[in-house]
Amino acid sequence: MGDRRKNLEEALRMIGQLPRTTVEAVSPVYLSEPLGYRDQEWFCNAVFRIRTLLAPDRLLEACKSIERGMGRPEQHPRWGPRIIDLDILLYDDLVIRLQHLEIPHPEMHRRKFVLLPLLDLADPFHPELQQRIHELLESCRDRSVLLKQNLPLQ
């Protein structure tokens, strides 16, 4: 919702201000057609690689705090319009399956809008599926349209 690119830039800035956290790389932005609820603007997607000493649960808390600070309500329709959506895709080679935190992200291997920008940064190994990201992209059944933007995030 709103200025989607500016929202990504603001989230990136706020992540870079987290304690003991550094943004190391940022993928290009991709526009993707919305999933589920189709009567909305296309989504703006990017992947940030960070180095942090925050534990995964603390990082999740920080991401949720950033989302709330940017105006995202606690409750929202699944796949509906939103200001920002921050997800932890991978955290080193950890596999965490808790009610409130799942790493690797449980849907990432099914979403081109996650795999393509992630592959722009690196080709990490998915510790649970035992495949590299390029392999997951090759077998991904997602046929949605993505448009790569050439302007980097600030």
N, C-alpha and C. Protein backbone atom coordinates (compact mmCIF):
# COMPACT_ATOMS: atom_id res chain seq x y z
N MET A 1 0.84 -1.17 0.00
CA MET A 1 0.00 0.00 0.00
C MET A 1 0.89 1.23 0.00
N GLY A 2 0.37 2.29 -0.55
CA GLY A 2 1.13 3.54 -0.55
C GLY A 2 2.28 3.49 -1.54
N ASP A 3 3.33 4.22 -1.22
CA ASP A 3 4.53 4.24 -2.05
C ASP A 3 5.35 2.99 -1.71
N ARG A 4 5.13 1.94 -2.47
CA ARG A 4 5.70 0.63 -2.14
C ARG A 4 7.22 0.65 -2.13
N ARG A 5 7.81 1.33 -3.08
CA ARG A 5 9.28 1.40 -3.13
C ARG A 5 9.83 2.16 -1.92
N LYS A 6 9.19 3.27 -1.59
CA LYS A 6 9.61 4.04 -0.42
C LYS A 6 9.46 3.21 0.86
N ASN A 7 8.40 2.40 0.93
CA ASN A 7 8.21 1.53 2.09
C ASN A 7 9.37 0.54 2.21
N LEU A 8 9.80 -0.04 1.08
CA LEU A 8 10.95 -0.94 1.11
C LEU A 8 12.21 -0.22 1.57
N GLU A 9 12.41 0.99 1.07
CA GLU A 9 13.59 1.76 1.46
C GLU A 9 13.57 2.10 2.95
N GLU A 10 12.40 2.43 3.47
CA GLU A 10 12.28 2.74 4.90
C GLU A 10 12.55 1.49 5.75
N ALA A 11 12.00 0.36 5.33
CA ALA A 11 12.25 -0.89 6.06
C ALA A 11 13.74 -1.24 6.03
N LEU A 12 14.37 -1.07 4.90
CA LEU A 12 15.81 -1.32 4.76
C LEU A 12 16.60 -0.41 5.71
N ARG A 13 16.24 0.86 5.75
CA ARG A 13 16.91 1.81 6.64
C ARG A 13 16.76 1.38 8.10
N MET A 14 15.54 0.99 8.48
CA MET A 14 15.28 0.61 9.87
C MET A 14 15.97 -0.71 10.25
N ILE A 15 16.04 -1.64 9.32
CA ILE A 15 16.78 -2.89 9.58
C ILE A 15 18.25 -2.58 9.80
N GLY A 16 18.79 -1.67 9.00
CA GLY A 16 20.19 -1.27 9.15
C GLY A 16 20.49 -0.58 10.47
N GLN A 17 19.45 -0.09 11.15
CA GLN A 17 19.64 0.57 12.44
C GLN A 17 19.45 -0.37 13.63
N LEU A 18 19.13 -1.63 13.37
CA LEU A 18 18.98 -2.57 14.48
C LEU A 18 20.33 -2.76 15.16
N PRO A 19 20.31 -3.01 16.47
CA PRO A 19 21.58 -3.22 17.17
C PRO A 19 22.33 -4.44 16.61
N ARG A 20 23.63 -4.29 16.50
CA ARG A 20 24.52 -5.37 16.08
C ARG A 20 24.10 -6.00 14.76
N THR A 21 23.60 -5.14 13.85
CA THR A 21 23.09 -5.61 12.56
C THR A 21 23.61 -4.72 11.45
N THR A 22 24.06 -5.34 10.37
CA THR A 22 24.55 -4.62 9.20
C THR A 22 23.88 -5.18 7.96
N VAL A 23 23.40 -4.29 7.10
CA VAL A 23 22.89 -4.71 5.79
C VAL A 23 24.09 -4.89 4.88
N GLU A 24 24.26 -6.09 4.35
CA GLU A 24 25.41 -6.39 3.50
C GLU A 24 25.09 -6.28 2.01
N ALA A 25 23.88 -6.60 1.63
CA ALA A 25 23.52 -6.57 0.21
C ALA A 25 22.01 -6.45 0.07
N VAL A 26 21.61 -5.87 -1.06
CA VAL A 26 20.19 -5.68 -1.35
C VAL A 26 19.96 -6.09 -2.80
N SER A 27 18.96 -6.92 -3.02
CA SER A 27 18.65 -7.37 -4.38
C SER A 27 17.96 -6.25 -5.14
N PRO A 28 17.87 -6.40 -6.45
CA PRO A 28 16.98 -5.51 -7.21
C PRO A 28 15.54 -5.71 -6.73
N VAL A 29 14.71 -4.74 -7.01
CA VAL A 29 13.30 -4.82 -6.68
C VAL A 29 12.57 -5.53 -7.82
N TYR A 30 11.64 -6.37 -7.46
CA TYR A 30 10.78 -7.06 -8.43
C TYR A 30 9.33 -6.68 -8.16
N LEU A 31 8.61 -6.36 -9.21
CA LEU A 31 7.17 -6.22 -9.12
C LEU A 31 6.57 -7.58 -9.42
N SER A 32 5.63 -8.00 -8.59
CA SER A 32 4.99 -9.30 -8.82
C SER A 32 3.49 -9.16 -8.69
N GLU A 33 2.80 -9.91 -9.53
CA GLU A 33 1.35 -9.90 -9.46
C GLU A 33 0.93 -10.48 -8.12
N PRO A 34 -0.12 -9.94 -7.52
CA PRO A 34 -0.52 -10.40 -6.19
C PRO A 34 -1.06 -11.82 -6.19
N LEU A 35 -0.83 -12.51 -5.09
CA LEU A 35 -1.37 -13.85 -4.87
C LEU A 35 -2.68 -13.73 -4.11
N GLY A 36 -3.52 -14.72 -4.27
CA GLY A 36 -4.74 -14.75 -3.48
C GLY A 36 -5.70 -13.64 -3.85
N TYR A 37 -5.70 -12.58 -3.09
CA TYR A 37 -6.56 -11.42 -3.29
C TYR A 37 -5.99 -10.61 -4.46
N ARG A 38 -6.59 -10.74 -5.63
CA ARG A 38 -6.02 -10.17 -6.87
C ARG A 38 -6.36 -8.70 -7.09
N ASP A 39 -7.38 -8.17 -6.44
CA ASP A 39 -7.83 -6.80 -6.67
C ASP A 39 -7.00 -5.83 -5.83
N GLN A 40 -5.72 -5.75 -6.16
CA GLN A 40 -4.80 -4.85 -5.45
C GLN A 40 -3.61 -4.59 -6.36
N GLU A 41 -2.81 -3.59 -5.97
CA GLU A 41 -1.61 -3.27 -6.76
C GLU A 41 -0.63 -4.44 -6.72
N TRP A 42 0.25 -4.49 -7.72
CA TRP A 42 1.31 -5.48 -7.71
C TRP A 42 2.22 -5.24 -6.51
N PHE A 43 2.80 -6.30 -6.00
CA PHE A 43 3.70 -6.20 -4.86
C PHE A 43 5.09 -5.77 -5.31
N CYS A 44 5.79 -5.08 -4.44
CA CYS A 44 7.20 -4.75 -4.60
C CYS A 44 7.98 -5.69 -3.68
N ASN A 45 8.91 -6.45 -4.25
CA ASN A 45 9.66 -7.44 -3.48
C ASN A 45 11.15 -7.22 -3.62
N ALA A 46 11.86 -7.45 -2.53
CA ALA A 46 13.31 -7.41 -2.53
C ALA A 46 13.80 -8.31 -1.41
N VAL A 47 15.05 -8.70 -1.51
CA VAL A 47 15.69 -9.51 -0.47
C VAL A 47 16.88 -8.73 0.05
N PHE A 48 17.03 -8.69 1.36
CA PHE A 48 18.17 -8.04 2.01
C PHE A 48 19.00 -9.14 2.67
N ARG A 49 20.30 -9.07 2.49
CA ARG A 49 21.19 -9.97 3.24
C ARG A 49 21.78 -9.14 4.37
N ILE A 50 21.61 -9.63 5.58
CA ILE A 50 22.14 -8.91 6.73
C ILE A 50 23.08 -9.81 7.53
N ARG A 51 23.92 -9.16 8.28
CA ARG A 51 24.74 -9.84 9.27
C ARG A 51 24.26 -9.30 10.62
N THR A 52 23.90 -10.22 11.51
CA THR A 52 23.37 -9.78 12.79
C THR A 52 23.82 -10.71 13.91
N LEU A 53 23.93 -10.16 15.08
CA LEU A 53 24.17 -10.96 16.28
C LEU A 53 22.86 -11.19 17.04
N LEU A 54 21.76 -10.66 16.52
CA LEU A 54 20.46 -10.91 17.13
C LEU A 54 20.08 -12.37 16.91
N ALA A 55 19.55 -13.00 17.94
CA ALA A 55 19.05 -14.36 17.81
C ALA A 55 17.82 -14.34 16.88
N PRO A 56 17.51 -15.45 16.24
CA PRO A 56 16.38 -15.46 15.30
C PRO A 56 15.06 -14.94 15.89
N ASP A 57 14.73 -15.30 17.11
CA ASP A 57 13.48 -14.82 17.70
C ASP A 57 13.53 -13.31 17.96
N ARG A 58 14.69 -12.79 18.33
CA ARG A 58 14.84 -11.34 18.53
C ARG A 58 14.76 -10.60 17.19
N LEU A 59 15.33 -11.19 16.16
CA LEU A 59 15.25 -10.60 14.82
C LEU A 59 13.80 -10.55 14.36
N LEU A 60 13.06 -11.62 14.59
CA LEU A 60 11.64 -11.63 14.24
C LEU A 60 10.89 -10.54 14.99
N GLU A 61 11.13 -10.41 16.28
CA GLU A 61 10.50 -9.35 17.07
C GLU A 61 10.82 -7.97 16.49
N ALA A 62 12.06 -7.78 16.10
CA ALA A 62 12.47 -6.49 15.52
C ALA A 62 11.76 -6.24 14.19
N CYS A 63 11.64 -7.26 13.37
CA CYS A 63 10.93 -7.12 12.08
C CYS A 63 9.47 -6.78 12.31
N LYS A 64 8.83 -7.43 13.26
CA LYS A 64 7.42 -7.15 13.56
C LYS A 64 7.27 -5.73 14.11
N SER A 65 8.23 -5.29 14.89
CA SER A 65 8.20 -3.93 15.42
C SER A 65 8.34 -2.90 14.29
N ILE A 66 9.20 -3.18 13.33
CA ILE A 66 9.36 -2.30 12.17
C ILE A 66 8.05 -2.25 11.39
N GLU A 67 7.44 -3.41 11.16
CA GLU A 67 6.16 -3.44 10.45
C GLU A 67 5.11 -2.59 11.15
N ARG A 68 4.98 -2.77 12.47
CA ARG A 68 4.00 -1.98 13.23
C ARG A 68 4.33 -0.49 13.18
N GLY A 69 5.62 -0.17 13.31
CA GLY A 69 6.06 1.22 13.26
C GLY A 69 5.77 1.89 11.92
N MET A 70 5.71 1.09 10.88
CA MET A 70 5.42 1.62 9.54
C MET A 70 3.91 1.66 9.27
N GLY A 71 3.11 1.16 10.23
CA GLY A 71 1.67 1.26 10.07
C GLY A 71 0.94 -0.02 9.72
N ARG A 72 1.63 -1.14 9.76
CA ARG A 72 0.95 -2.41 9.46
C ARG A 72 0.20 -2.87 10.72
N PRO A 73 -1.10 -3.14 10.58
CA PRO A 73 -1.84 -3.61 11.76
C PRO A 73 -1.46 -5.04 12.13
N GLU A 74 -1.67 -5.40 13.38
CA GLU A 74 -1.38 -6.75 13.87
C GLU A 74 -2.17 -7.79 13.08
N GLN A 75 -3.44 -7.54 12.87
CA GLN A 75 -4.31 -8.46 12.12
C GLN A 75 -4.56 -7.87 10.74
N HIS A 76 -4.46 -8.70 9.72
CA HIS A 76 -4.69 -8.25 8.35
C HIS A 76 -5.13 -9.44 7.51
N PRO A 77 -5.83 -9.20 6.42
CA PRO A 77 -6.25 -10.32 5.58
C PRO A 77 -5.04 -10.99 4.93
N ARG A 78 -5.02 -12.32 4.94
CA ARG A 78 -3.92 -13.04 4.30
C ARG A 78 -3.85 -12.66 2.83
N TRP A 79 -2.66 -12.32 2.37
CA TRP A 79 -2.37 -11.93 1.00
C TRP A 79 -3.07 -10.64 0.59
N GLY A 80 -3.59 -9.90 1.54
CA GLY A 80 -4.24 -8.63 1.23
C GLY A 80 -3.22 -7.51 1.17
N PRO A 81 -3.69 -6.31 0.80
CA PRO A 81 -2.78 -5.17 0.74
C PRO A 81 -2.20 -4.86 2.12
N ARG A 82 -0.94 -4.45 2.14
CA ARG A 82 -0.28 -4.10 3.39
C ARG A 82 0.86 -3.13 3.11
N ILE A 83 1.27 -2.41 4.14
CA ILE A 83 2.34 -1.42 4.03
C ILE A 83 3.67 -2.12 3.74
N ILE A 84 3.95 -3.16 4.52
CA ILE A 84 5.24 -3.87 4.43
C ILE A 84 5.05 -5.27 4.98
N ASP A 85 5.85 -6.19 4.51
CA ASP A 85 5.84 -7.57 5.01
C ASP A 85 7.29 -8.03 5.06
N LEU A 86 7.82 -8.17 6.25
CA LEU A 86 9.21 -8.58 6.43
C LEU A 86 9.25 -10.03 6.89
N ASP A 87 9.96 -10.86 6.16
CA ASP A 87 10.09 -12.27 6.51
C ASP A 87 11.55 -12.64 6.63
N ILE A 88 11.84 -13.56 7.52
CA ILE A 88 13.18 -14.14 7.62
C ILE A 88 13.15 -15.38 6.74
N LEU A 89 13.92 -15.36 5.68
CA LEU A 89 13.95 -16.49 4.76
C LEU A 89 14.87 -17.59 5.25
N LEU A 90 16.09 -17.21 5.53
CA LEU A 90 17.13 -18.13 6.00
C LEU A 90 17.89 -17.46 7.14
N TYR A 91 18.46 -18.25 8.01
CA TYR A 91 19.32 -17.74 9.07
C TYR A 91 20.44 -18.76 9.20
N ASP A 92 21.57 -18.44 8.57
CA ASP A 92 22.68 -19.40 8.48
C ASP A 92 22.12 -20.72 7.96
N ASP A 93 22.46 -21.81 8.62
CA ASP A 93 21.94 -23.11 8.19
C ASP A 93 20.94 -23.68 9.21
N LEU A 94 20.34 -22.78 9.99
CA LEU A 94 19.39 -23.22 11.01
C LEU A 94 18.07 -23.69 10.42
N VAL A 95 17.48 -24.67 11.09
CA VAL A 95 16.10 -25.08 10.82
C VAL A 95 15.36 -24.92 12.13
N ILE A 96 14.36 -24.03 12.13
CA ILE A 96 13.57 -23.73 13.33
C ILE A 96 12.10 -23.89 12.95
N ARG A 97 11.39 -24.69 13.71
CA ARG A 97 9.96 -24.88 13.48
C ARG A 97 9.23 -24.68 14.81
N LEU A 98 8.83 -23.44 15.06
CA LEU A 98 8.06 -23.08 16.23
C LEU A 98 6.73 -22.50 15.77
N GLN A 99 5.80 -22.35 16.67
CA GLN A 99 4.50 -21.81 16.30
C GLN A 99 4.63 -20.39 15.72
N HIS A 100 5.50 -19.58 16.28
CA HIS A 100 5.63 -18.18 15.88
C HIS A 100 6.80 -17.91 14.94
N LEU A 101 7.64 -18.91 14.67
CA LEU A 101 8.85 -18.69 13.87
C LEU A 101 9.22 -19.96 13.11
N GLU A 102 9.29 -19.84 11.79
CA GLU A 102 9.72 -20.96 10.95
C GLU A 102 10.84 -20.49 10.03
N ILE A 103 11.99 -21.13 10.19
CA ILE A 103 13.17 -20.84 9.36
C ILE A 103 13.73 -22.19 8.90
N PRO A 104 13.98 -22.36 7.63
CA PRO A 104 13.71 -21.47 6.51
C PRO A 104 12.21 -21.18 6.38
N HIS A 105 11.93 -20.06 5.73
CA HIS A 105 10.53 -19.69 5.52
C HIS A 105 9.84 -20.84 4.81
N PRO A 106 8.69 -21.29 5.32
CA PRO A 106 8.06 -22.51 4.79
C PRO A 106 7.53 -22.41 3.36
N GLU A 107 7.34 -21.22 2.84
CA GLU A 107 6.79 -21.06 1.50
C GLU A 107 7.83 -20.57 0.47
N MET A 108 9.04 -20.30 0.91
CA MET A 108 10.00 -19.64 0.02
C MET A 108 10.28 -20.43 -1.25
N HIS A 109 10.32 -21.74 -1.17
CA HIS A 109 10.65 -22.56 -2.34
C HIS A 109 9.50 -22.61 -3.35
N ARG A 110 8.34 -22.10 -2.98
CA ARG A 110 7.18 -22.08 -3.87
C ARG A 110 6.93 -20.71 -4.49
N ARG A 111 7.79 -19.74 -4.23
CA ARG A 111 7.54 -18.36 -4.63
C ARG A 111 8.68 -17.79 -5.45
N LYS A 112 8.42 -17.55 -6.74
CA LYS A 112 9.44 -16.93 -7.60
C LYS A 112 9.83 -15.56 -7.08
N PHE A 113 8.87 -14.82 -6.50
CA PHE A 113 9.19 -13.47 -6.03
C PHE A 113 10.13 -13.47 -4.84
N VAL A 114 10.39 -14.64 -4.27
CA VAL A 114 11.39 -14.80 -3.22
C VAL A 114 12.69 -15.36 -3.82
N LEU A 115 12.56 -16.39 -4.63
CA LEU A 115 13.74 -17.09 -5.16
C LEU A 115 14.57 -16.22 -6.10
N LEU A 116 13.92 -15.49 -7.00
CA LEU A 116 14.68 -14.67 -7.96
C LEU A 116 15.52 -13.59 -7.28
N PRO A 117 14.94 -12.76 -6.41
CA PRO A 117 15.80 -11.75 -5.76
C PRO A 117 16.84 -12.37 -4.84
N LEU A 118 16.52 -13.50 -4.22
CA LEU A 118 17.51 -14.18 -3.39
C LEU A 118 18.67 -14.65 -4.25
N LEU A 119 18.38 -15.19 -5.40
CA LEU A 119 19.42 -15.67 -6.31
C LEU A 119 20.26 -14.52 -6.88
N ASP A 120 19.68 -13.32 -6.94
CA ASP A 120 20.47 -12.15 -7.36
C ASP A 120 21.60 -11.85 -6.37
N LEU A 121 21.41 -12.23 -5.12
CA LEU A 121 22.42 -11.96 -4.09
C LEU A 121 23.40 -13.11 -3.91
N ALA A 122 22.89 -14.32 -3.96
CA ALA A 122 23.72 -15.51 -3.71
C ALA A 122 22.91 -16.74 -4.09
N ASP A 123 23.52 -17.86 -3.97
CA ASP A 123 22.85 -19.13 -4.24
C ASP A 123 22.99 -20.02 -2.99
N PRO A 124 22.36 -19.58 -1.90
CA PRO A 124 22.54 -20.33 -0.65
C PRO A 124 21.90 -21.72 -0.70
N PHE A 125 22.28 -22.50 0.25
CA PHE A 125 21.78 -23.87 0.39
C PHE A 125 20.58 -23.85 1.33
N HIS A 126 19.49 -24.47 0.91
CA HIS A 126 18.31 -24.59 1.76
C HIS A 126 18.55 -25.78 2.69
N PRO A 127 18.74 -25.54 3.99
CA PRO A 127 19.16 -26.61 4.88
C PRO A 127 18.13 -27.70 5.10
N GLU A 128 16.89 -27.41 4.85
CA GLU A 128 15.85 -28.41 5.05
C GLU A 128 15.59 -29.23 3.78
N LEU A 129 15.54 -28.54 2.64
CA LEU A 129 15.27 -29.22 1.37
C LEU A 129 16.52 -29.77 0.70
N GLN A 130 17.69 -29.40 1.25
CA GLN A 130 18.97 -29.90 0.76
C GLN A 130 19.20 -29.58 -0.72
N GLN A 131 18.85 -28.36 -1.10
CA GLN A 131 19.07 -27.89 -2.47
C GLN A 131 19.52 -26.45 -2.44
N ARG A 132 20.22 -26.06 -3.50
CA ARG A 132 20.58 -24.66 -3.69
C ARG A 132 19.36 -23.91 -4.22
N ILE A 133 19.39 -22.60 -4.08
CA ILE A 133 18.26 -21.78 -4.51
C ILE A 133 18.02 -21.92 -6.01
N HIS A 134 19.07 -21.99 -6.81
CA HIS A 134 18.85 -22.13 -8.26
C HIS A 134 18.13 -23.44 -8.58
N GLU A 135 18.38 -24.47 -7.81
CA GLU A 135 17.68 -25.74 -8.02
C GLU A 135 16.21 -25.62 -7.63
N LEU A 136 15.96 -24.92 -6.55
CA LEU A 136 14.56 -24.70 -6.13
C LEU A 136 13.81 -23.87 -7.18
N LEU A 137 14.49 -22.89 -7.76
CA LEU A 137 13.87 -22.07 -8.79
C LEU A 137 13.55 -22.91 -10.03
N GLU A 138 14.45 -23.80 -10.40
CA GLU A 138 14.22 -24.65 -11.56
C GLU A 138 13.00 -25.56 -11.39
N SER A 139 12.74 -25.99 -10.17
CA SER A 139 11.61 -26.89 -9.93
C SER A 139 10.36 -26.15 -9.42
N CYS A 140 10.45 -24.85 -9.28
CA CYS A 140 9.32 -24.05 -8.76
C CYS A 140 8.17 -24.05 -9.76
N ARG A 141 6.98 -24.30 -9.28
CA ARG A 141 5.79 -24.34 -10.14
C ARG A 141 5.10 -22.99 -10.25
N ASP A 142 5.59 -21.99 -9.55
CA ASP A 142 5.02 -20.64 -9.59
C ASP A 142 5.20 -20.08 -10.99
N ARG A 143 4.13 -19.76 -11.65
CA ARG A 143 4.17 -19.20 -13.01
C ARG A 143 3.72 -17.75 -13.04
N SER A 144 3.74 -17.10 -11.89
CA SER A 144 3.32 -15.70 -11.83
C SER A 144 4.32 -14.81 -12.57
N VAL A 145 3.84 -13.65 -12.96
CA VAL A 145 4.65 -12.68 -13.71
C VAL A 145 5.44 -11.82 -12.73
N LEU A 146 6.74 -11.64 -13.01
CA LEU A 146 7.59 -10.74 -12.24
C LEU A 146 8.27 -9.78 -13.19
N LEU A 147 8.40 -8.53 -12.76
CA LEU A 147 9.09 -7.51 -13.54
C LEU A 147 10.25 -6.98 -12.71
N LYS A 148 11.46 -7.20 -13.19
CA LYS A 148 12.66 -6.74 -12.48
C LYS A 148 12.84 -5.24 -12.74
N GLN A 149 13.01 -4.50 -11.65
CA GLN A 149 13.23 -3.06 -11.74
C GLN A 149 14.74 -2.79 -11.74
N ASN A 150 15.17 -1.80 -12.50
CA ASN A 150 16.60 -1.54 -12.63
C ASN A 150 17.14 -0.52 -11.64
N LEU A 151 16.27 0.16 -10.93
CA LEU A 151 16.73 1.16 -9.96
C LEU A 151 17.00 0.50 -8.61
N PRO A 152 18.21 0.61 -8.08
CA PRO A 152 18.49 0.00 -6.78
C PRO A 152 17.80 0.76 -5.66
N LEU A 153 17.55 0.07 -4.55
CA LEU A 153 17.01 0.73 -3.37
C LEU A 153 18.09 1.65 -2.80
N GLN A 154 17.68 2.73 -2.24
CA GLN A 154 18.61 3.71 -1.67
C GLN A 154 18.98 3.33 -0.25
